[in-house]
C-alpha cells in the first residue's frame, strides 16, 4: 500500500495542520515540500509550477494529498477527508458540527487580519495594530467560546482543533505573552500540544519550527532574536 503524499511549500502555514493530523492518526506519509526562491515580483516557484498540472488534481493547488486514486486539494477538504478515512476527529452531534463550523470561520477571520502583518505595506504599524487590537478581540471570542469546553466542538477533539492550535502557536511565536489574559485558550493550546503523538512529533526531526511562512513575508521566516 503506497504512502499518502502531502504536498506543500517548505513552510508550516496551511500545511502544518494537515501534518499534525497525519501524525496524530499514525499515518506513514511522504512530506513533499516544494521550494521557492527569489524576491517579489520575481519569485521563482518552478519547483511547484513544473508539476502543478501533471498530478491529476481537479483544482491544482497547495496543499494537496495523493492517497492512491484519491487526489485532493483545499486544506479544509483534506482535513475532513482524513477525519473520515481514519474514523477520528469528526464532530459527533449536530451541536458539535455547528461549533466546528463557527470555529473554522473564526480562525479564518483571524488569519485575514494576520495577513496585513505579513504582507502589508507598513509592517510596524500593522503589527502593533494586530497585537493590540485585532488579536485580543479574536482571543476574547475564543476564550468565551471555550468556556468550560476542552475542545472547539466541546468534549470531542476534531480536525478544527488542529488548525486552530497550530495558528495559536504561531500567534505565541509572534507575541509570547498574547495568551496570558486568556486562561481557557492557553490551557486549550497546552492540552493539544501535550497529546502524546503531537508531542512526539514536535520533538522529532520531522517537525520544522521555522520557517512558518514564505521568505518574503515581513515576519515568520526565521525566529526573531
N, C-alpha and C. Protein backbone atom coordinates (compact mmCIF):
# COMPACT_ATOMS: atom_id res chain seq x y z
N UNK A 1 0.85 -1.19 0.00
CA UNK A 1 0.00 0.00 0.00
C UNK A 1 0.88 1.23 0.00
N UNK A 2 0.66 2.14 -0.94
CA UNK A 2 1.50 3.32 -1.08
C UNK A 2 1.22 4.33 0.02
N UNK A 3 2.23 5.10 0.32
CA UNK A 3 2.08 6.15 1.32
C UNK A 3 1.18 7.27 0.80
N UNK A 4 0.49 7.93 1.71
CA UNK A 4 -0.16 9.19 1.37
C UNK A 4 0.95 10.22 1.13
N UNK A 5 0.78 11.00 0.09
CA UNK A 5 1.71 12.10 -0.20
C UNK A 5 1.03 13.41 0.18
N UNK A 6 1.68 14.18 1.00
CA UNK A 6 1.22 15.53 1.31
C UNK A 6 2.16 16.50 0.61
N UNK A 7 1.62 17.31 -0.26
CA UNK A 7 2.42 18.31 -0.97
C UNK A 7 2.12 19.70 -0.48
N UNK A 8 3.18 20.43 -0.14
CA UNK A 8 3.02 21.83 0.29
C UNK A 8 4.38 22.52 0.20
N UNK A 9 4.36 23.83 0.34
CA UNK A 9 5.62 24.57 0.40
C UNK A 9 6.44 24.11 1.61
N UNK A 10 7.70 24.45 1.62
CA UNK A 10 8.57 24.08 2.72
C UNK A 10 8.43 24.99 3.91
N UNK A 11 7.20 25.22 4.33
CA UNK A 11 6.88 26.09 5.46
C UNK A 11 5.76 25.42 6.26
N UNK A 12 5.42 26.00 7.41
CA UNK A 12 4.31 25.46 8.20
C UNK A 12 2.97 25.92 7.61
N UNK A 13 2.58 27.15 7.88
CA UNK A 13 1.38 27.77 7.30
C UNK A 13 0.22 26.78 7.17
N UNK A 14 -0.38 26.66 5.99
CA UNK A 14 -1.58 25.84 5.81
C UNK A 14 -1.29 24.34 5.71
N UNK A 15 -0.02 23.98 5.64
CA UNK A 15 0.31 22.56 5.57
C UNK A 15 0.49 21.90 6.92
N UNK A 16 0.82 22.68 7.94
CA UNK A 16 1.20 22.07 9.22
C UNK A 16 0.04 21.41 9.93
N UNK A 17 -1.14 21.98 9.83
CA UNK A 17 -2.29 21.34 10.50
C UNK A 17 -2.58 19.97 9.90
N UNK A 18 -2.33 19.81 8.61
CA UNK A 18 -2.51 18.50 7.97
C UNK A 18 -1.42 17.55 8.44
N UNK A 19 -0.18 18.04 8.53
CA UNK A 19 0.90 17.20 9.06
C UNK A 19 0.56 16.72 10.48
N UNK A 20 0.04 17.63 11.29
CA UNK A 20 -0.33 17.28 12.66
C UNK A 20 -1.40 16.19 12.68
N UNK A 21 -2.37 16.28 11.78
CA UNK A 21 -3.42 15.27 11.71
C UNK A 21 -2.85 13.91 11.31
N UNK A 22 -2.00 13.90 10.31
CA UNK A 22 -1.39 12.65 9.86
C UNK A 22 -0.56 12.02 10.97
N UNK A 23 0.16 12.83 11.70
CA UNK A 23 0.95 12.33 12.82
C UNK A 23 0.04 11.77 13.91
N UNK A 24 -1.00 12.48 14.23
CA UNK A 24 -1.92 12.04 15.28
C UNK A 24 -2.59 10.72 14.91
N UNK A 25 -2.92 10.57 13.64
CA UNK A 25 -3.59 9.35 13.17
C UNK A 25 -2.62 8.20 12.92
N UNK A 26 -1.32 8.45 13.12
CA UNK A 26 -0.33 7.40 12.96
C UNK A 26 -0.10 6.98 11.52
N UNK A 27 -0.22 7.93 10.60
CA UNK A 27 -0.11 7.63 9.18
C UNK A 27 1.34 7.72 8.72
N UNK A 28 1.77 6.74 7.96
CA UNK A 28 3.08 6.78 7.32
C UNK A 28 2.92 7.55 6.01
N UNK A 29 3.45 8.76 5.95
CA UNK A 29 3.20 9.62 4.81
C UNK A 29 4.50 10.24 4.29
N UNK A 30 4.45 10.67 3.05
CA UNK A 30 5.57 11.39 2.44
C UNK A 30 5.28 12.87 2.51
N UNK A 31 6.17 13.61 3.13
CA UNK A 31 6.01 15.05 3.29
C UNK A 31 6.76 15.76 2.16
N UNK A 32 6.08 15.96 1.05
CA UNK A 32 6.69 16.57 -0.13
C UNK A 32 6.66 18.09 0.01
N UNK A 33 7.84 18.69 0.15
CA UNK A 33 7.94 20.13 0.37
C UNK A 33 8.55 20.80 -0.86
N UNK A 34 7.81 21.73 -1.44
CA UNK A 34 8.28 22.48 -2.59
C UNK A 34 8.93 23.78 -2.12
N UNK A 35 9.91 24.23 -2.90
CA UNK A 35 10.66 25.42 -2.53
C UNK A 35 10.42 26.54 -3.53
N UNK A 36 10.55 27.76 -3.04
CA UNK A 36 10.53 28.94 -3.92
C UNK A 36 11.73 29.80 -3.58
N UNK A 37 12.24 30.48 -4.57
CA UNK A 37 13.42 31.32 -4.38
C UNK A 37 13.20 32.67 -5.02
N UNK A 38 13.99 33.64 -4.61
CA UNK A 38 13.90 34.98 -5.20
C UNK A 38 12.92 35.86 -4.45
N UNK A 39 12.93 37.13 -4.83
CA UNK A 39 12.11 38.14 -4.18
C UNK A 39 11.03 38.65 -5.14
N UNK A 40 9.88 39.11 -4.59
CA UNK A 40 8.85 39.70 -5.45
C UNK A 40 9.42 40.89 -6.21
N UNK A 41 9.02 41.12 -7.44
CA UNK A 41 7.98 40.37 -8.16
C UNK A 41 8.54 39.19 -8.97
N UNK A 42 9.76 38.79 -8.67
CA UNK A 42 10.41 37.73 -9.47
C UNK A 42 10.64 36.46 -8.67
N UNK A 43 9.65 36.06 -7.89
CA UNK A 43 9.78 34.84 -7.11
C UNK A 43 9.69 33.63 -8.05
N UNK A 44 10.65 32.74 -7.92
CA UNK A 44 10.69 31.54 -8.76
C UNK A 44 9.99 30.39 -8.04
N UNK A 45 8.84 29.98 -8.56
CA UNK A 45 8.05 28.89 -7.98
C UNK A 45 8.08 27.65 -8.89
N UNK A 46 9.10 27.54 -9.72
CA UNK A 46 9.12 26.48 -10.73
C UNK A 46 9.15 25.08 -10.11
N UNK A 47 9.67 24.95 -8.91
CA UNK A 47 9.70 23.64 -8.26
C UNK A 47 8.28 23.06 -8.19
N UNK A 48 7.31 23.91 -7.92
CA UNK A 48 5.91 23.51 -7.90
C UNK A 48 5.24 23.63 -9.26
N UNK A 49 5.48 24.74 -9.93
CA UNK A 49 4.78 25.00 -11.20
C UNK A 49 5.11 23.98 -12.28
N UNK A 50 6.30 23.41 -12.21
CA UNK A 50 6.69 22.41 -13.22
C UNK A 50 5.84 21.14 -13.14
N UNK A 51 5.23 20.90 -11.98
CA UNK A 51 4.43 19.67 -11.82
C UNK A 51 2.95 19.97 -11.53
N UNK A 52 2.62 21.22 -11.34
CA UNK A 52 1.29 21.61 -10.88
C UNK A 52 0.17 20.97 -11.69
N UNK A 53 0.30 20.95 -13.00
CA UNK A 53 -0.77 20.45 -13.86
C UNK A 53 -0.50 19.03 -14.37
N UNK A 54 0.43 18.34 -13.72
CA UNK A 54 0.78 16.98 -14.14
C UNK A 54 0.40 15.93 -13.11
N UNK A 55 -0.23 16.33 -12.03
CA UNK A 55 -0.51 15.42 -10.93
C UNK A 55 -1.94 14.88 -10.95
N UNK A 56 -2.75 15.36 -11.87
CA UNK A 56 -4.12 14.88 -11.95
C UNK A 56 -5.04 15.48 -10.91
N UNK A 57 -4.70 16.67 -10.41
CA UNK A 57 -5.52 17.35 -9.41
C UNK A 57 -6.66 18.11 -10.09
N UNK A 58 -7.86 18.01 -9.55
CA UNK A 58 -9.00 18.72 -10.13
C UNK A 58 -8.84 20.23 -10.03
N UNK A 59 -8.35 20.69 -8.90
CA UNK A 59 -8.10 22.12 -8.68
C UNK A 59 -6.65 22.26 -8.22
N UNK A 60 -5.70 22.24 -9.15
CA UNK A 60 -4.29 22.23 -8.79
C UNK A 60 -3.90 23.37 -7.86
N UNK A 61 -3.41 23.00 -6.70
CA UNK A 61 -3.07 23.99 -5.69
C UNK A 61 -2.29 23.30 -4.58
N UNK A 62 -1.74 24.08 -3.69
CA UNK A 62 -1.09 23.59 -2.48
C UNK A 62 -1.88 24.10 -1.27
N UNK A 63 -2.07 23.25 -0.28
CA UNK A 63 -1.60 21.88 -0.14
C UNK A 63 -2.45 20.90 -0.97
N UNK A 64 -1.87 19.72 -1.21
CA UNK A 64 -2.63 18.63 -1.82
C UNK A 64 -2.26 17.34 -1.11
N UNK A 65 -3.12 16.34 -1.26
CA UNK A 65 -2.75 14.99 -0.87
C UNK A 65 -3.05 14.05 -2.03
N UNK A 66 -2.23 13.03 -2.14
CA UNK A 66 -2.47 11.93 -3.07
C UNK A 66 -2.50 10.66 -2.23
N UNK A 67 -3.65 10.01 -2.22
CA UNK A 67 -3.87 8.80 -1.44
C UNK A 67 -4.38 7.72 -2.39
N UNK A 68 -3.44 7.06 -3.08
CA UNK A 68 -3.84 6.10 -4.10
C UNK A 68 -4.56 6.81 -5.24
N UNK A 69 -5.80 6.43 -5.48
CA UNK A 69 -6.59 7.06 -6.54
C UNK A 69 -7.22 8.37 -6.10
N UNK A 70 -7.17 8.66 -4.82
CA UNK A 70 -7.76 9.90 -4.30
C UNK A 70 -6.73 11.02 -4.39
N UNK A 71 -7.13 12.09 -5.07
CA UNK A 71 -6.26 13.26 -5.21
C UNK A 71 -7.07 14.49 -4.85
N UNK A 72 -6.60 15.22 -3.84
CA UNK A 72 -7.38 16.32 -3.31
C UNK A 72 -6.53 17.55 -3.05
N UNK A 73 -7.15 18.70 -3.22
CA UNK A 73 -6.58 19.96 -2.77
C UNK A 73 -7.59 20.63 -1.85
N UNK A 74 -7.22 21.81 -1.34
CA UNK A 74 -8.02 22.63 -0.42
C UNK A 74 -7.90 22.08 1.00
N UNK A 75 -7.30 22.90 1.85
CA UNK A 75 -6.92 22.49 3.19
C UNK A 75 -8.06 21.85 4.00
N UNK A 76 -9.18 22.54 4.11
CA UNK A 76 -10.26 22.03 4.95
C UNK A 76 -10.86 20.75 4.37
N UNK A 77 -10.96 20.67 3.05
CA UNK A 77 -11.47 19.46 2.41
C UNK A 77 -10.56 18.28 2.73
N UNK A 78 -9.25 18.50 2.69
CA UNK A 78 -8.29 17.44 3.01
C UNK A 78 -8.45 17.00 4.45
N UNK A 79 -8.59 17.95 5.36
CA UNK A 79 -8.69 17.62 6.78
C UNK A 79 -9.97 16.83 7.07
N UNK A 80 -11.05 17.18 6.42
CA UNK A 80 -12.29 16.43 6.61
C UNK A 80 -12.17 15.02 6.01
N UNK A 81 -11.51 14.92 4.87
CA UNK A 81 -11.30 13.61 4.25
C UNK A 81 -10.51 12.69 5.18
N UNK A 82 -9.42 13.20 5.74
CA UNK A 82 -8.60 12.40 6.64
C UNK A 82 -9.38 11.98 7.88
N UNK A 83 -10.22 12.87 8.38
CA UNK A 83 -11.04 12.55 9.55
C UNK A 83 -11.98 11.39 9.24
N UNK A 84 -12.58 11.41 8.06
CA UNK A 84 -13.48 10.32 7.67
C UNK A 84 -12.71 9.03 7.42
N UNK A 85 -11.58 9.15 6.75
CA UNK A 85 -10.81 7.97 6.38
C UNK A 85 -10.35 7.18 7.60
N UNK A 86 -9.88 7.89 8.63
CA UNK A 86 -9.32 7.22 9.79
C UNK A 86 -10.31 7.11 10.94
N UNK A 87 -11.56 7.55 10.71
CA UNK A 87 -12.60 7.38 11.72
C UNK A 87 -12.36 8.15 12.99
N UNK A 88 -11.61 9.22 12.88
CA UNK A 88 -11.29 10.05 14.03
C UNK A 88 -11.54 11.52 13.68
N UNK A 89 -11.67 12.32 14.72
CA UNK A 89 -11.60 13.77 14.60
C UNK A 89 -12.80 14.41 13.90
N UNK A 90 -13.91 13.71 13.85
CA UNK A 90 -15.15 14.28 13.32
C UNK A 90 -16.06 14.67 14.47
N UNK A 91 -16.79 15.78 14.35
CA UNK A 91 -17.81 16.09 15.36
C UNK A 91 -18.86 15.00 15.40
N UNK A 92 -19.42 14.75 16.59
CA UNK A 92 -20.32 13.62 16.78
C UNK A 92 -21.80 13.99 16.78
N UNK A 93 -22.11 15.23 17.03
CA UNK A 93 -23.51 15.65 17.11
C UNK A 93 -23.72 16.90 16.27
N UNK A 94 -24.97 17.26 16.07
CA UNK A 94 -25.28 18.49 15.35
C UNK A 94 -24.70 19.71 16.05
N UNK A 95 -24.76 19.71 17.38
CA UNK A 95 -24.21 20.82 18.14
C UNK A 95 -22.70 20.91 17.93
N UNK A 96 -22.03 19.78 17.95
CA UNK A 96 -20.58 19.80 17.72
C UNK A 96 -20.26 20.25 16.30
N UNK A 97 -21.04 19.83 15.33
CA UNK A 97 -20.83 20.29 13.95
C UNK A 97 -21.02 21.79 13.84
N UNK A 98 -22.02 22.30 14.51
CA UNK A 98 -22.27 23.74 14.48
C UNK A 98 -21.10 24.50 15.08
N UNK A 99 -20.59 24.02 16.20
CA UNK A 99 -19.46 24.67 16.85
C UNK A 99 -18.20 24.61 15.96
N UNK A 100 -18.00 23.48 15.31
CA UNK A 100 -16.85 23.35 14.42
C UNK A 100 -16.95 24.32 13.24
N UNK A 101 -18.12 24.42 12.67
CA UNK A 101 -18.32 25.33 11.55
C UNK A 101 -18.02 26.77 11.95
N UNK A 102 -18.48 27.18 13.11
CA UNK A 102 -18.23 28.55 13.56
C UNK A 102 -16.76 28.77 13.86
N UNK A 103 -16.14 27.81 14.54
CA UNK A 103 -14.72 27.95 14.89
C UNK A 103 -13.85 28.03 13.63
N UNK A 104 -14.22 27.27 12.62
CA UNK A 104 -13.48 27.30 11.35
C UNK A 104 -13.51 28.69 10.74
N UNK A 105 -14.67 29.33 10.76
CA UNK A 105 -14.80 30.68 10.21
C UNK A 105 -14.09 31.70 11.09
N UNK A 106 -14.12 31.48 12.39
CA UNK A 106 -13.47 32.42 13.31
C UNK A 106 -11.97 32.47 13.08
N UNK A 107 -11.35 31.30 12.89
CA UNK A 107 -9.90 31.30 12.67
C UNK A 107 -9.57 31.87 11.29
N UNK A 108 -10.46 31.70 10.34
CA UNK A 108 -10.26 32.30 9.01
C UNK A 108 -10.23 33.82 9.14
N UNK A 109 -11.13 34.38 9.94
CA UNK A 109 -11.15 35.83 10.12
C UNK A 109 -9.89 36.33 10.79
N UNK A 110 -9.39 35.58 11.76
CA UNK A 110 -8.13 35.96 12.42
C UNK A 110 -6.99 36.00 11.42
N UNK A 111 -6.94 35.02 10.55
CA UNK A 111 -5.84 34.95 9.58
C UNK A 111 -5.91 36.06 8.55
N UNK A 112 -7.12 36.50 8.23
CA UNK A 112 -7.24 37.63 7.31
C UNK A 112 -6.59 38.87 7.91
N UNK A 113 -6.77 39.08 9.21
CA UNK A 113 -6.11 40.20 9.86
C UNK A 113 -4.61 40.02 9.95
N UNK A 114 -4.18 38.79 10.16
CA UNK A 114 -2.76 38.49 10.28
C UNK A 114 -2.02 38.74 8.98
N UNK A 115 -2.69 38.56 7.86
CA UNK A 115 -2.05 38.79 6.56
C UNK A 115 -1.59 40.23 6.39
N UNK A 116 -2.25 41.16 7.07
CA UNK A 116 -1.82 42.55 6.98
C UNK A 116 -0.45 42.74 7.62
N UNK A 117 -0.16 41.94 8.65
CA UNK A 117 1.16 41.98 9.27
C UNK A 117 2.19 41.38 8.31
N UNK A 118 1.84 40.27 7.71
CA UNK A 118 2.80 39.54 6.88
C UNK A 118 3.10 40.24 5.58
N UNK A 119 2.08 40.85 4.98
CA UNK A 119 2.24 41.35 3.61
C UNK A 119 1.81 42.80 3.41
N UNK A 120 1.41 43.47 4.49
CA UNK A 120 1.01 44.87 4.38
C UNK A 120 2.18 45.79 4.12
N UNK A 121 1.88 47.03 3.81
CA UNK A 121 2.94 47.98 3.45
C UNK A 121 3.70 48.50 4.66
N UNK A 122 3.01 48.81 5.74
CA UNK A 122 3.66 49.38 6.93
C UNK A 122 3.71 48.32 8.02
N UNK A 123 4.79 47.58 8.07
CA UNK A 123 4.89 46.43 8.96
C UNK A 123 4.76 46.80 10.42
N UNK A 124 5.47 47.81 10.88
CA UNK A 124 5.46 48.15 12.30
C UNK A 124 4.07 48.57 12.76
N UNK A 125 3.40 49.42 12.01
CA UNK A 125 2.05 49.85 12.38
C UNK A 125 1.07 48.69 12.30
N UNK A 126 1.22 47.86 11.26
CA UNK A 126 0.31 46.73 11.09
C UNK A 126 0.48 45.73 12.24
N UNK A 127 1.71 45.48 12.62
CA UNK A 127 1.97 44.54 13.71
C UNK A 127 1.44 45.09 15.03
N UNK A 128 1.67 46.35 15.28
CA UNK A 128 1.19 46.97 16.52
C UNK A 128 -0.32 46.91 16.60
N UNK A 129 -0.99 47.23 15.51
CA UNK A 129 -2.46 47.20 15.49
C UNK A 129 -2.97 45.77 15.68
N UNK A 130 -2.31 44.82 15.06
CA UNK A 130 -2.73 43.43 15.19
C UNK A 130 -2.56 42.94 16.61
N UNK A 131 -1.40 43.21 17.20
CA UNK A 131 -1.13 42.72 18.54
C UNK A 131 -2.00 43.39 19.60
N UNK A 132 -2.31 44.68 19.41
CA UNK A 132 -3.03 45.42 20.43
C UNK A 132 -4.53 45.46 20.23
N UNK A 133 -4.99 45.34 18.99
CA UNK A 133 -6.42 45.50 18.70
C UNK A 133 -7.05 44.24 18.11
N UNK A 134 -6.48 43.75 17.02
CA UNK A 134 -7.11 42.66 16.28
C UNK A 134 -7.03 41.34 17.03
N UNK A 135 -5.83 40.95 17.41
CA UNK A 135 -5.64 39.66 18.06
C UNK A 135 -6.41 39.53 19.37
N UNK A 136 -6.36 40.53 20.27
CA UNK A 136 -7.12 40.40 21.52
C UNK A 136 -8.62 40.18 21.32
N UNK A 137 -9.20 40.83 20.32
CA UNK A 137 -10.63 40.64 20.07
C UNK A 137 -10.94 39.21 19.67
N UNK A 138 -10.10 38.63 18.84
CA UNK A 138 -10.30 37.25 18.41
C UNK A 138 -10.05 36.28 19.57
N UNK A 139 -9.04 36.55 20.37
CA UNK A 139 -8.75 35.68 21.51
C UNK A 139 -9.86 35.74 22.55
N UNK A 140 -10.43 36.91 22.73
CA UNK A 140 -11.56 37.04 23.67
C UNK A 140 -12.74 36.19 23.20
N UNK A 141 -12.98 36.19 21.88
CA UNK A 141 -14.04 35.36 21.34
C UNK A 141 -13.79 33.88 21.58
N UNK A 142 -12.56 33.44 21.36
CA UNK A 142 -12.21 32.05 21.60
C UNK A 142 -12.29 31.70 23.08
N UNK A 143 -11.89 32.64 23.93
CA UNK A 143 -11.95 32.44 25.38
C UNK A 143 -13.38 32.15 25.82
N UNK A 144 -14.31 32.95 25.35
CA UNK A 144 -15.72 32.77 25.71
C UNK A 144 -16.29 31.51 25.08
N UNK A 145 -15.87 31.21 23.86
CA UNK A 145 -16.39 30.05 23.14
C UNK A 145 -15.98 28.75 23.82
N UNK A 146 -14.76 28.73 24.34
CA UNK A 146 -14.29 27.53 25.02
C UNK A 146 -14.97 27.36 26.37
N UNK A 147 -15.06 28.45 27.13
CA UNK A 147 -15.72 28.42 28.43
C UNK A 147 -15.24 27.20 29.22
N UNK A 148 -16.12 26.23 29.48
CA UNK A 148 -15.74 25.02 30.21
C UNK A 148 -15.49 23.84 29.28
N UNK A 149 -15.27 24.12 27.99
CA UNK A 149 -15.07 23.07 26.99
C UNK A 149 -13.58 22.74 26.85
N UNK A 150 -13.29 21.48 26.59
CA UNK A 150 -11.90 21.07 26.34
C UNK A 150 -11.47 21.40 24.91
N UNK A 151 -12.42 21.27 23.95
CA UNK A 151 -12.11 21.43 22.53
C UNK A 151 -13.13 22.32 21.87
N UNK A 152 -12.86 22.71 20.65
CA UNK A 152 -13.76 23.62 19.96
C UNK A 152 -15.16 23.03 19.79
N UNK A 153 -15.24 21.74 19.56
CA UNK A 153 -16.55 21.09 19.41
C UNK A 153 -17.23 20.89 20.76
N UNK A 154 -16.47 20.88 21.82
CA UNK A 154 -16.98 20.59 23.15
C UNK A 154 -16.11 19.55 23.81
N UNK A 155 -16.63 18.32 23.90
CA UNK A 155 -15.88 17.24 24.52
C UNK A 155 -15.05 16.45 23.52
N UNK A 156 -15.27 16.67 22.22
CA UNK A 156 -14.65 15.87 21.17
C UNK A 156 -13.52 16.62 20.47
N UNK A 157 -12.35 16.02 20.42
CA UNK A 157 -11.25 16.56 19.61
C UNK A 157 -11.59 16.36 18.14
N UNK A 158 -11.53 17.43 17.35
CA UNK A 158 -11.86 17.35 15.93
C UNK A 158 -10.77 18.00 15.08
N UNK A 159 -10.92 17.83 13.77
CA UNK A 159 -9.96 18.40 12.82
C UNK A 159 -9.79 19.90 12.98
N UNK A 160 -10.82 20.58 13.45
CA UNK A 160 -10.76 22.04 13.60
C UNK A 160 -9.69 22.43 14.63
N UNK A 161 -9.56 21.64 15.67
CA UNK A 161 -8.57 21.95 16.71
C UNK A 161 -7.15 21.94 16.17
N UNK A 162 -6.89 21.13 15.16
CA UNK A 162 -5.54 21.04 14.61
C UNK A 162 -5.14 22.35 13.92
N UNK A 163 -6.06 22.93 13.22
CA UNK A 163 -5.77 24.21 12.57
C UNK A 163 -5.70 25.34 13.60
N UNK A 164 -6.64 25.39 14.51
CA UNK A 164 -6.68 26.50 15.46
C UNK A 164 -5.47 26.46 16.40
N UNK A 165 -5.10 25.29 16.89
CA UNK A 165 -3.95 25.22 17.78
C UNK A 165 -2.64 25.53 17.06
N UNK A 166 -2.54 25.12 15.81
CA UNK A 166 -1.37 25.48 15.01
C UNK A 166 -1.28 26.99 14.86
N UNK A 167 -2.40 27.63 14.59
CA UNK A 167 -2.39 29.08 14.42
C UNK A 167 -2.15 29.80 15.74
N UNK A 168 -2.66 29.26 16.83
CA UNK A 168 -2.37 29.86 18.13
C UNK A 168 -0.89 29.76 18.45
N UNK A 169 -0.27 28.68 18.04
CA UNK A 169 1.17 28.53 18.25
C UNK A 169 1.93 29.61 17.48
N UNK A 170 1.46 29.92 16.29
CA UNK A 170 2.08 31.00 15.52
C UNK A 170 1.90 32.34 16.22
N UNK A 171 0.72 32.56 16.81
CA UNK A 171 0.47 33.83 17.50
C UNK A 171 1.40 33.98 18.70
N UNK A 172 1.67 32.87 19.39
CA UNK A 172 2.59 32.92 20.53
C UNK A 172 4.01 33.18 20.05
N UNK A 173 4.37 32.67 18.88
CA UNK A 173 5.67 32.99 18.31
C UNK A 173 5.76 34.48 17.98
N UNK A 174 4.66 35.04 17.54
CA UNK A 174 4.63 36.48 17.23
C UNK A 174 4.74 37.31 18.50
N UNK A 175 3.93 36.95 19.51
CA UNK A 175 3.93 37.67 20.78
C UNK A 175 3.78 36.65 21.89
N UNK A 176 4.84 36.39 22.60
CA UNK A 176 4.88 35.27 23.55
C UNK A 176 3.85 35.39 24.66
N UNK A 177 3.45 36.61 25.02
CA UNK A 177 2.53 36.82 26.14
C UNK A 177 1.07 36.94 25.70
N UNK A 178 0.78 36.68 24.43
CA UNK A 178 -0.54 37.02 23.91
C UNK A 178 -1.67 36.22 24.55
N UNK A 179 -1.38 35.04 25.13
CA UNK A 179 -2.45 34.23 25.71
C UNK A 179 -2.57 34.41 27.23
N UNK A 180 -1.74 35.24 27.80
CA UNK A 180 -1.69 35.35 29.26
C UNK A 180 -3.02 35.78 29.88
N UNK A 181 -3.79 36.58 29.18
CA UNK A 181 -5.06 37.07 29.71
C UNK A 181 -6.23 36.17 29.33
N UNK A 182 -5.92 35.05 28.69
CA UNK A 182 -6.99 34.18 28.18
C UNK A 182 -6.72 32.75 28.65
N UNK A 183 -7.01 32.45 29.93
CA UNK A 183 -6.64 31.15 30.50
C UNK A 183 -7.28 29.96 29.80
N UNK A 184 -8.51 30.11 29.32
CA UNK A 184 -9.15 28.99 28.62
C UNK A 184 -8.41 28.66 27.34
N UNK A 185 -8.02 29.69 26.61
CA UNK A 185 -7.31 29.49 25.34
C UNK A 185 -5.92 28.93 25.61
N UNK A 186 -5.27 29.45 26.62
CA UNK A 186 -3.91 28.99 26.94
C UNK A 186 -3.91 27.52 27.33
N UNK A 187 -4.86 27.11 28.18
CA UNK A 187 -4.95 25.71 28.60
C UNK A 187 -5.33 24.82 27.42
N UNK A 188 -6.19 25.33 26.55
CA UNK A 188 -6.60 24.61 25.35
C UNK A 188 -5.41 24.29 24.46
N UNK A 189 -4.59 25.30 24.20
CA UNK A 189 -3.40 25.11 23.38
C UNK A 189 -2.43 24.13 24.06
N UNK A 190 -2.21 24.28 25.35
CA UNK A 190 -1.31 23.38 26.08
C UNK A 190 -1.83 21.95 26.05
N UNK A 191 -3.13 21.80 26.18
CA UNK A 191 -3.76 20.47 26.16
C UNK A 191 -3.52 19.79 24.82
N UNK A 192 -3.66 20.54 23.76
CA UNK A 192 -3.47 19.98 22.42
C UNK A 192 -2.04 19.52 22.21
N UNK A 193 -1.08 20.39 22.50
CA UNK A 193 0.31 20.05 22.22
C UNK A 193 0.89 19.05 23.22
N UNK A 194 0.13 18.74 24.27
CA UNK A 194 0.54 17.68 25.20
C UNK A 194 0.04 16.31 24.77
N UNK A 195 -0.83 16.24 23.75
CA UNK A 195 -1.28 14.94 23.24
C UNK A 195 -0.05 14.12 22.84
N UNK A 196 -0.04 12.86 23.19
CA UNK A 196 1.18 12.04 23.05
C UNK A 196 1.79 12.10 21.66
N UNK A 197 0.99 11.85 20.64
CA UNK A 197 1.53 11.77 19.29
C UNK A 197 1.92 13.16 18.75
N UNK A 198 1.22 14.18 19.20
CA UNK A 198 1.58 15.54 18.79
C UNK A 198 2.90 15.94 19.45
N UNK A 199 3.01 15.66 20.74
CA UNK A 199 4.24 15.99 21.46
C UNK A 199 5.43 15.23 20.89
N UNK A 200 5.22 13.96 20.54
CA UNK A 200 6.31 13.16 19.97
C UNK A 200 6.75 13.72 18.63
N UNK A 201 5.80 14.11 17.81
CA UNK A 201 6.13 14.71 16.51
C UNK A 201 6.94 15.99 16.69
N UNK A 202 6.52 16.82 17.62
CA UNK A 202 7.19 18.11 17.81
C UNK A 202 8.59 17.94 18.41
N UNK A 203 8.86 16.79 18.97
CA UNK A 203 10.22 16.51 19.46
C UNK A 203 11.09 15.87 18.39
N UNK A 204 10.48 15.44 17.31
CA UNK A 204 11.19 14.69 16.29
C UNK A 204 11.85 15.61 15.26
N UNK A 205 12.71 15.01 14.43
CA UNK A 205 13.35 15.76 13.36
C UNK A 205 12.37 16.10 12.24
N UNK A 206 11.23 15.44 12.21
CA UNK A 206 10.22 15.73 11.17
C UNK A 206 9.62 17.12 11.34
N UNK A 207 9.57 17.58 12.57
CA UNK A 207 8.98 18.89 12.85
C UNK A 207 9.98 19.99 12.56
N UNK A 208 9.57 20.95 11.75
CA UNK A 208 10.40 22.12 11.43
C UNK A 208 9.72 23.35 12.01
N UNK A 209 10.28 23.89 13.07
CA UNK A 209 9.65 25.05 13.73
C UNK A 209 9.58 26.26 12.80
N UNK A 210 10.64 26.46 12.06
CA UNK A 210 10.71 27.54 11.07
C UNK A 210 11.21 26.95 9.76
N UNK A 211 10.82 27.58 8.64
CA UNK A 211 10.00 28.78 8.51
C UNK A 211 8.51 28.51 8.71
N UNK A 212 7.84 29.52 9.25
CA UNK A 212 6.39 29.45 9.41
C UNK A 212 5.71 29.89 8.13
N UNK A 213 6.24 30.95 7.53
CA UNK A 213 5.65 31.50 6.30
C UNK A 213 6.75 31.72 5.27
N UNK A 214 6.37 32.20 4.10
CA UNK A 214 7.30 32.36 2.99
C UNK A 214 8.37 33.40 3.30
N UNK A 215 9.47 33.30 2.62
CA UNK A 215 10.64 34.12 2.94
C UNK A 215 10.45 35.60 2.66
N UNK A 216 9.47 35.95 1.83
CA UNK A 216 9.28 37.37 1.54
C UNK A 216 8.19 38.00 2.40
N UNK A 217 7.66 37.27 3.37
CA UNK A 217 6.74 37.85 4.34
C UNK A 217 7.54 38.74 5.30
N UNK A 218 6.84 39.65 5.97
CA UNK A 218 7.52 40.59 6.87
C UNK A 218 7.94 39.92 8.18
N UNK A 219 7.35 38.78 8.47
CA UNK A 219 7.63 38.07 9.73
C UNK A 219 7.47 36.57 9.49
N UNK A 220 8.20 35.77 10.27
CA UNK A 220 7.90 34.36 10.36
C UNK A 220 8.75 33.42 9.54
N UNK A 221 9.71 33.93 8.78
CA UNK A 221 10.56 33.00 8.04
C UNK A 221 11.69 32.49 8.93
N UNK A 222 12.21 33.36 9.78
CA UNK A 222 13.23 32.98 10.74
C UNK A 222 12.81 33.43 12.13
N UNK A 223 13.26 32.73 13.13
CA UNK A 223 12.92 33.06 14.51
C UNK A 223 13.53 34.40 14.89
N UNK A 224 12.73 35.24 15.54
CA UNK A 224 13.24 36.54 15.97
C UNK A 224 14.22 36.37 17.12
N UNK A 225 15.19 37.26 17.19
CA UNK A 225 16.17 37.21 18.28
C UNK A 225 15.54 37.65 19.59
